[in-house]
C-alpha atoms as a PDB file:
ATOM      1  CA  MET A   1       0.000   0.000   0.000  1.00  0.00           C
ATOM      2  CA  ILE A   2       1.321   3.419  -0.987  1.00  0.00           C
ATOM      3  CA  ARG A   3       1.154   6.118   1.655  1.00  0.00           C
ATOM      4  CA  GLY A   4       2.576   9.639   1.663  1.00  0.00           C
ATOM      5  CA  HIS A   5       3.534  11.723   4.698  1.00  0.00           C
ATOM      6  CA  PHE A   6       4.319  15.441   4.840  1.00  0.00           C
ATOM      7  CA  ASP A   7       5.416  17.963   7.448  1.00  0.00           C
ATOM      8  CA  GLY A   8       6.382  21.622   7.522  1.00  0.00           C
ATOM      9  CA  ALA A   9       8.519  23.446  10.070  1.00  0.00           C
ATOM     10  CA  SER A  10       9.007  27.141  10.769  1.00  0.00           C
ATOM     11  CA  ARG A  11      11.485  28.518  13.267  1.00  0.00           C
ATOM     12  CA  GLY A  12       9.956  31.834  14.203  1.00  0.00           C
ATOM     13  CA  ASN A  13       6.447  31.485  12.698  1.00  0.00           C
ATOM     14  CA  PRO A  14       7.067  33.303  10.426  1.00  0.00           C
ATOM     15  CA  GLY A  15      10.715  32.461  10.094  1.00  0.00           C
ATOM     16  CA  PRO A  16      13.049  30.119   8.208  1.00  0.00           C
ATOM     17  CA  ALA A  17      10.892  27.239   7.022  1.00  0.00           C
ATOM     18  CA  GLY A  18      11.458  23.725   5.706  1.00  0.00           C
ATOM     19  CA  ALA A  19       9.330  21.000   4.136  1.00  0.00           C
ATOM     20  CA  GLY A  20       9.597  17.252   4.549  1.00  0.00           C
ATOM     21  CA  ALA A  21       7.869  14.625   2.416  1.00  0.00           C
ATOM     22  CA  VAL A  22       8.072  10.822   2.453  1.00  0.00           C
ATOM     23  CA  ILE A  23       6.495   8.066   0.353  1.00  0.00           C
ATOM     24  CA  TYR A  24       6.085   4.576   1.796  1.00  0.00           C
ATOM     25  CA  ASP A  25       5.302   1.316   0.013  1.00  0.00           C
ATOM     26  CA  ASP A  26       3.972  -1.278   2.473  1.00  0.00           C
ATOM     27  CA  GLY A  27       5.674   0.574   5.297  1.00  0.00           C
ATOM     28  CA  LYS A  28       9.073   0.875   3.608  1.00  0.00           C
ATOM     29  CA  VAL A  29      10.437   4.271   2.576  1.00  0.00           C
ATOM     30  CA  ILE A  30      10.814   4.492  -1.211  1.00  0.00           C
ATOM     31  CA  TRP A  31      11.308   8.275  -1.517  1.00  0.00           C
ATOM     32  CA  ARG A  32      11.977  11.195   0.804  1.00  0.00           C
ATOM     33  CA  CYS A  33      12.691  14.858   0.352  1.00  0.00           C
ATOM     34  CA  ALA A  34      13.867  17.826   2.419  1.00  0.00           C
ATOM     35  CA  GLU A  35      13.217  21.256   0.916  1.00  0.00           C
ATOM     36  CA  PRO A  36      14.105  24.680   2.401  1.00  0.00           C
ATOM     37  CA  LEU A  37      11.302  27.169   1.752  1.00  0.00           C
ATOM     38  CA  GLY A  38      12.539  30.604   2.757  1.00  0.00           C
ATOM     39  CA  THR A  39      10.500  32.623   5.262  1.00  0.00           C
ATOM     40  CA  HIS A  40       7.036  31.270   6.044  1.00  0.00           C
ATOM     41  CA  THR A  41       4.605  30.563   8.839  1.00  0.00           C
ATOM     42  CA  ASN A  42       4.193  26.999  10.041  1.00  0.00           C
ATOM     43  CA  ASN A  43       0.851  26.598   8.244  1.00  0.00           C
ATOM     44  CA  GLU A  44       2.331  27.862   4.975  1.00  0.00           C
ATOM     45  CA  ALA A  45       5.222  25.418   5.340  1.00  0.00           C
ATOM     46  CA  GLU A  46       2.756  22.574   5.901  1.00  0.00           C
ATOM     47  CA  TYR A  47       0.891  23.401   2.686  1.00  0.00           C
ATOM     48  CA  LEU A  48       4.108  23.686   0.680  1.00  0.00           C
ATOM     49  CA  ALA A  49       5.260  20.330   2.060  1.00  0.00           C
ATOM     50  CA  LEU A  50       1.949  18.792   1.022  1.00  0.00           C
ATOM     51  CA  GLY A  51       2.379  20.310  -2.447  1.00  0.00           C
ATOM     52  CA  ILE A  52       5.855  18.800  -2.810  1.00  0.00           C
ATOM     53  CA  LEU A  53       4.536  15.383  -1.803  1.00  0.00           C
ATOM     54  CA  ALA A  54       1.503  15.609  -4.092  1.00  0.00           C
ATOM     55  CA  SER A  55       3.666  16.705  -7.045  1.00  0.00           C
ATOM     56  CA  GLU A  56       5.918  13.687  -6.584  1.00  0.00           C
ATOM     57  CA  LEU A  57       2.932  11.320  -6.321  1.00  0.00           C
ATOM     58  CA  LYS A  58       1.555  12.824  -9.532  1.00  0.00           C
ATOM     59  CA  ARG A  59       4.928  12.486 -11.261  1.00  0.00           C
ATOM     60  CA  ARG A  60       4.962   8.797 -10.354  1.00  0.00           C
ATOM     61  CA  GLY A  61       1.426   8.280 -11.618  1.00  0.00           C
ATOM     62  CA  LEU A  62       0.148   7.287  -8.165  1.00  0.00           C
ATOM     63  CA  HIS A  63      -3.532   7.887  -7.389  1.00  0.00           C
ATOM     64  CA  GLY A  64      -6.002   6.981  -4.665  1.00  0.00           C
ATOM     65  CA  MET A  65      -3.430   6.673  -1.901  1.00  0.00           C
ATOM     66  CA  GLU A  66      -3.466   7.896   1.687  1.00  0.00           C
ATOM     67  CA  ILE A  67      -1.759  11.198   2.486  1.00  0.00           C
ATOM     68  CA  CYS A  68      -0.966  11.738   6.158  1.00  0.00           C
ATOM     69  CA  GLY A  69       0.092  14.804   8.121  1.00  0.00           C
ATOM     70  CA  ASP A  70       0.125  15.929  11.731  1.00  0.00           C
ATOM     71  CA  SER A  71      -1.315  19.396  11.035  1.00  0.00           C
ATOM     72  CA  ARG A  72      -4.967  19.200  12.049  1.00  0.00           C
ATOM     73  CA  LEU A  73      -5.612  22.580  10.435  1.00  0.00           C
ATOM     74  CA  VAL A  74      -4.230  21.614   7.007  1.00  0.00           C
ATOM     75  CA  ILE A  75      -5.882  18.184   6.944  1.00  0.00           C
ATOM     76  CA  SER A  76      -9.227  19.671   8.026  1.00  0.00           C
ATOM     77  CA  GLN A  77      -9.007  22.396   5.369  1.00  0.00           C
ATOM     78  CA  VAL A  78      -7.958  20.050   2.575  1.00  0.00           C
ATOM     79  CA  THR A  79     -10.838  17.675   3.379  1.00  0.00           C
ATOM     80  CA  GLY A  80     -13.302  20.569   3.473  1.00  0.00           C
ATOM     81  CA  LYS A  81     -14.154  20.315   7.170  1.00  0.00           C
ATOM     82  CA  TRP A  82     -12.729  23.758   7.877  1.00  0.00           C
ATOM     83  CA  GLN A  83     -12.669  26.885   5.718  1.00  0.00           C
ATOM     84  CA  ILE A  84      -9.475  28.761   4.878  1.00  0.00           C
ATOM     85  CA  ARG A  85     -10.256  32.218   6.193  1.00  0.00           C
ATOM     86  CA  GLU A  86      -6.852  33.849   5.714  1.00  0.00           C
ATOM     87  CA  PRO A  87      -6.509  35.188   2.121  1.00  0.00           C
ATOM     88  CA  ARG A  88      -2.722  34.778   2.092  1.00  0.00           C
ATOM     89  CA  LEU A  89      -2.979  31.118   3.089  1.00  0.00           C
ATOM     90  CA  ARG A  90      -5.910  30.491   0.727  1.00  0.00           C
ATOM     91  CA  GLU A  91      -3.865  31.678  -2.257  1.00  0.00           C
ATOM     92  CA  LEU A  92      -0.991  29.398  -1.323  1.00  0.00           C
ATOM     93  CA  ALA A  93      -3.236  26.420  -0.579  1.00  0.00           C
ATOM     94  CA  SER A  94      -5.504  26.550  -3.625  1.00  0.00           C
ATOM     95  CA  PRO A  95      -3.232  24.830  -6.205  1.00  0.00           C
ATOM     96  CA  VAL A  96      -2.127  22.279  -3.619  1.00  0.00           C
ATOM     97  CA  ILE A  97      -5.701  21.306  -2.735  1.00  0.00           C
ATOM     98  CA  SER A  98      -6.567  21.054  -6.437  1.00  0.00           C
ATOM     99  CA  LEU A  99      -3.698  18.637  -7.008  1.00  0.00           C
ATOM    100  CA  VAL A 100      -4.618  16.509  -3.979  1.00  0.00           C
ATOM    101  CA  ARG A 101      -8.188  16.231  -5.273  1.00  0.00           C
ATOM    102  CA  GLU A 102      -6.924  15.366  -8.738  1.00  0.00           C
ATOM    103  CA  LEU A 103      -4.957  12.496  -7.209  1.00  0.00           C
ATOM    104  CA  GLY A 104      -8.085  11.162  -5.507  1.00  0.00           C
ATOM    105  CA  ALA A 105      -6.064  10.973  -2.290  1.00  0.00           C
ATOM    106  CA  ARG A 106      -7.546  10.294   1.136  1.00  0.00           C
ATOM    107  CA  CYS A 107      -6.062  12.791   3.587  1.00  0.00           C
ATOM    108  CA  LEU A 108      -5.705  11.681   7.199  1.00  0.00           C
ATOM    109  CA  TRP A 109      -4.523  13.392  10.364  1.00  0.00           C
ATOM    110  CA  VAL A 110      -1.957  11.366  12.330  1.00  0.00           C
ATOM    111  CA  PRO A 111      -0.261  12.081  15.670  1.00  0.00           C
ATOM    112  CA  ARG A 112       3.188  13.652  15.478  1.00  0.00           C
ATOM    113  CA  GLU A 113       4.914  10.449  16.566  1.00  0.00           C
ATOM    114  CA  GLN A 114       3.477   8.680  13.504  1.00  0.00           C
ATOM    115  CA  ASN A 115       4.892  11.387  11.257  1.00  0.00           C
ATOM    116  CA  SER A 116       8.454  11.319  12.556  1.00  0.00           C
ATOM    117  CA  GLU A 117      10.282  10.761   9.264  1.00  0.00           C
ATOM    118  CA  ALA A 118       8.539  13.648   7.501  1.00  0.00           C
ATOM    119  CA  ASP A 119       9.259  15.787  10.575  1.00  0.00           C
ATOM    120  CA  ARG A 120      12.919  14.777  10.411  1.00  0.00           C
ATOM    121  CA  MET A 121      13.050  15.776   6.745  1.00  0.00           C
ATOM    122  CA  SER A 122      11.513  19.199   7.436  1.00  0.00           C
ATOM    123  CA  ASN A 123      14.163  19.912  10.056  1.00  0.00           C
ATOM    124  CA  LYS A 124      16.887  18.497   7.807  1.00  0.00           C
ATOM    125  CA  ALA A 125      15.839  21.082   5.218  1.00  0.00           C
ATOM    126  CA  LEU A 126      16.429  23.834   7.757  1.00  0.00           C
ATOM    127  CA  ASP A 127      19.721  22.458   9.045  1.00  0.00           C
ATOM    128  CA  GLU A 128      21.305  21.081   5.851  1.00  0.00           C
ATOM    129  CA  GLY A 129      19.382  22.349   2.811  1.00  0.00           C
ATOM    130  CA  HIS A 130      17.989  20.477  -0.200  1.00  0.00           C
ATOM    131  CA  PHE A 131      17.930  16.704  -0.110  1.00  0.00           C
ATOM    132  CA  THR A 132      16.142  14.023  -2.139  1.00  0.00           C
ATOM    133  CA  GLU A 133      16.562  10.269  -1.892  1.00  0.00           C
ATOM    134  CA  ASP A 134      14.818   7.876  -4.289  1.00  0.00           C
ATOM    135  CA  LEU A 135      15.149   4.332  -2.989  1.00  0.00           C
ATOM    136  CA  SER A 136      12.652   2.944  -5.488  1.00  0.00           C
ATOM    137  CA  ALA A 137      14.947   3.872  -8.396  1.00  0.00           C
ATOM    138  CA  SER A 138      18.048   2.262  -6.919  1.00  0.00           C
ATOM    139  CA  GLY A 139      16.281  -0.747  -5.490  1.00  0.00           C
ATOM    140  CA  GLY A 140      18.890  -0.627  -2.755  1.00  0.00           C
ATOM    141  CA  SER A 141      18.664  -0.842   0.978  1.00  0.00           C
ATOM    142  CA  GLU A 142      17.094   1.895   3.041  1.00  0.00           C
ATOM    143  CA  ALA A 143      20.140   3.913   4.020  1.00  0.00           C
ATOM    144  CA  ASP A 144      20.036   6.920   6.280  1.00  0.00           C
ATOM    145  CA  PRO A 145      19.771  10.169   4.278  1.00  0.00           C
ATOM    146  CA  ALA A 146      22.882  11.511   6.004  1.00  0.00           C
ATOM    147  CA  GLU A 147      24.869   8.859   4.139  1.00  0.00           C
ATOM    148  CA  LYS A 148      23.638  10.071   0.752  1.00  0.00           C
ATOM    149  CA  THR A 149      24.173  13.666  -0.331  1.00  0.00           C
ATOM    150  CA  ARG A 150      22.481  14.305  -3.631  1.00  0.00           C
ATOM    151  CA  PRO A 151      21.001  17.749  -2.952  1.00  0.00           C
ATOM    152  CA  GLU A 152      18.216  18.641  -5.358  1.00  0.00           C
ATOM    153  CA  SER A 153      14.687  19.994  -5.439  1.00  0.00           C
ATOM    154  CA  VAL A 154      11.678  18.022  -6.632  1.00  0.00           C
ATOM    155  CA  PHE A 155      12.404  19.736  -9.962  1.00  0.00           C
ATOM    156  CA  SER A 156      16.017  20.758 -10.421  1.00  0.00           C
ATOM    157  CA  GLU A 157      15.215  24.145 -11.969  1.00  0.00           C
ATOM    158  CA  ILE A 158      12.169  26.382 -12.406  1.00  0.00           C
ATOM    159  CA  LEU A 159      12.922  29.579 -14.323  1.00  0.00           C
ATOM    160  CA  GLN A 160      10.760  32.285 -15.855  1.00  0.00           C
ATOM    161  CA  ALA A 161      11.594  32.591 -19.564  1.00  0.00           C
ATOM    162  CA  ALA A 162       9.068  35.310 -20.482  1.00  0.00           C
ATOM    163  CA  PRO A 163       5.926  36.897 -19.007  1.00  0.00           C
ATOM    164  CA  GLY A 164       3.653  33.953 -18.189  1.00  0.00           C
ATOM    165  CA  ILE A 165       6.119  31.362 -19.538  1.00  0.00           C
ATOM    166  CA  TRP A 166       8.246  29.165 -17.259  1.00  0.00           C
ATOM    167  CA  ILE A 167      10.795  26.440 -17.935  1.00  0.00           C
ATOM    168  CA  VAL A 168      10.790  23.430 -15.587  1.00  0.00           C
ATOM    169  CA  SER A 169      13.677  20.947 -15.573  1.00  0.00           C
ATOM    170  CA  ASP A 170      12.420  17.471 -14.662  1.00  0.00           C
ATOM    171  CA  GLY A 171      15.271  14.963 -14.677  1.00  0.00           C
ATOM    172  CA  ASN A 172      16.794  15.068 -18.161  1.00  0.00           C
ATOM    173  CA  GLU A 173      13.732  16.737 -19.676  1.00  0.00           C
ATOM    174  CA  ARG A 174      12.759  20.406 -19.885  1.00  0.00           C
ATOM    175  CA  TYR A 175       9.142  21.539 -20.194  1.00  0.00           C
ATOM    176  CA  ALA A 176       7.558  24.913 -20.920  1.00  0.00           C
ATOM    177  CA  VAL A 177       4.629  25.981 -18.746  1.00  0.00           C
ATOM    178  CA  ASP A 178       2.231  28.603 -20.126  1.00  0.00           C
ATOM    179  CA  LEU A 179       0.298  29.949 -17.141  1.00  0.00           C
ATOM    180  CA  LYS A 180      -1.864  32.279 -19.229  1.00  0.00           C
ATOM    181  CA  HIS A 181      -3.347  29.369 -21.161  1.00  0.00           C
ATOM    182  CA  GLY A 182      -2.939  26.796 -18.374  1.00  0.00           C
ATOM    183  CA  CYS A 183      -0.885  24.276 -20.311  1.00  0.00           C
ATOM    184  CA  CYS A 184       2.485  22.531 -20.338  1.00  0.00           C
ATOM    185  CA  THR A 185       4.506  20.840 -23.052  1.00  0.00           C
ATOM    186  CA  CYS A 186       4.623  17.538 -21.115  1.00  0.00           C
ATOM    187  CA  ALA A 187       2.183  14.793 -22.165  1.00  0.00           C
ATOM    188  CA  ALA A 188      -0.209  15.327 -19.245  1.00  0.00           C
ATOM    189  CA  GLY A 189      -0.115  19.097 -19.658  1.00  0.00           C
ATOM    190  CA  ARG A 190      -0.959  18.868 -23.362  1.00  0.00           C
ATOM    191  CA  LYS A 191      -3.736  16.336 -22.857  1.00  0.00           C
ATOM    192  CA  GLU A 192      -5.347  17.456 -19.605  1.00  0.00           C
ATOM    193  CA  GLY A 193      -4.035  20.968 -18.902  1.00  0.00           C
ATOM    194  CA  ARG A 194      -2.962  19.738 -15.459  1.00  0.00           C
ATOM    195  CA  CYS A 195       0.435  18.390 -14.434  1.00  0.00           C
ATOM    196  CA  PRO A 196       3.017  18.605 -11.628  1.00  0.00           C
ATOM    197  CA  HIS A 197       5.014  21.183 -13.616  1.00  0.00           C
ATOM    198  CA  ILE A 198       2.111  23.648 -13.642  1.00  0.00           C
ATOM    199  CA  THR A 199       1.542  23.051  -9.932  1.00  0.00           C
ATOM    200  CA  ALA A 200       5.258  23.556  -9.200  1.00  0.00           C
ATOM    201  CA  VAL A 201       5.270  26.900 -11.027  1.00  0.00           C
ATOM    202  CA  LEU A 202       2.139  28.076  -9.186  1.00  0.00           C
ATOM    203  CA  MET A 203       3.754  27.130  -5.887  1.00  0.00           C
ATOM    204  CA  LYS A 204       6.983  28.917  -6.809  1.00  0.00           C
ATOM    205  CA  LYS A 205       5.043  32.058  -7.708  1.00  0.00           C
ATOM    206  CA  ALA A 206       3.256  31.895  -4.357  1.00  0.00           C
ATOM    207  CA  VAL A 207       6.578  31.532  -2.539  1.00  0.00           C
ATOM    208  CA  GLN A 208       8.067  34.459  -4.476  1.00  0.00           C
ATOM    209  CA  LYS A 209       5.083  36.643  -3.706  1.00  0.00           C
ATOM    210  CA  HIS A 210       5.520  36.108   0.010  1.00  0.00           C
ATOM    211  CA  ASN A 211       9.344  36.244  -0.230  1.00  0.00           C
ATOM    212  CA  PRO A 212      10.181  38.820  -2.967  1.00  0.00           C
ATOM    213  CA  GLY A 213      13.943  38.377  -2.616  1.00  0.00           C
ATOM    214  CA  GLN A 214      13.847  34.605  -3.167  1.00  0.00           C
ATOM    215  CA  ASN A 215      14.669  33.283  -6.670  1.00  0.00           C
END
């Protein structure tokens, strides 16, 4: 059974923030990521962490899984139990919630102790910077992330090429995202007008809006 976990951390609230995301397959870690986020509140960091996890699940073609987090506020808002009353948070959360719904994921609140690996990744992002480990690709043993240092984002590069046009580097491929027309040059973007690359650009724009000095 595939299950994703996410966690966000902010030291200062708002302050330096980090995201952690982990994917499990029958209880075994197959992917984990630590991503520094710049300056954010804890709730913003939680949503960005969820977006990173959801983008990776989408990239892998995984649907209908469980997504777990220890933020009662975020889980309650994503599932529609609570409204998002803060405009700043609503703008940041909107593309993330859309992607989670597209995945058909079941979002569950879990106690903090059941979310320890995602929590560790969020703090690793703050202490050490970018980190991604894909154990499913190597098929190897589950080593501690400290033993592997391949620092990278979910997408290695997201750059604005022209007004409304962004270039997203995904592995060895590069895709153009046209926000004005809501499309991407990847297969999913051309066919459906929805893809992780579009979501990643929307998230980056939201981060830049709240942190103008961040590239």
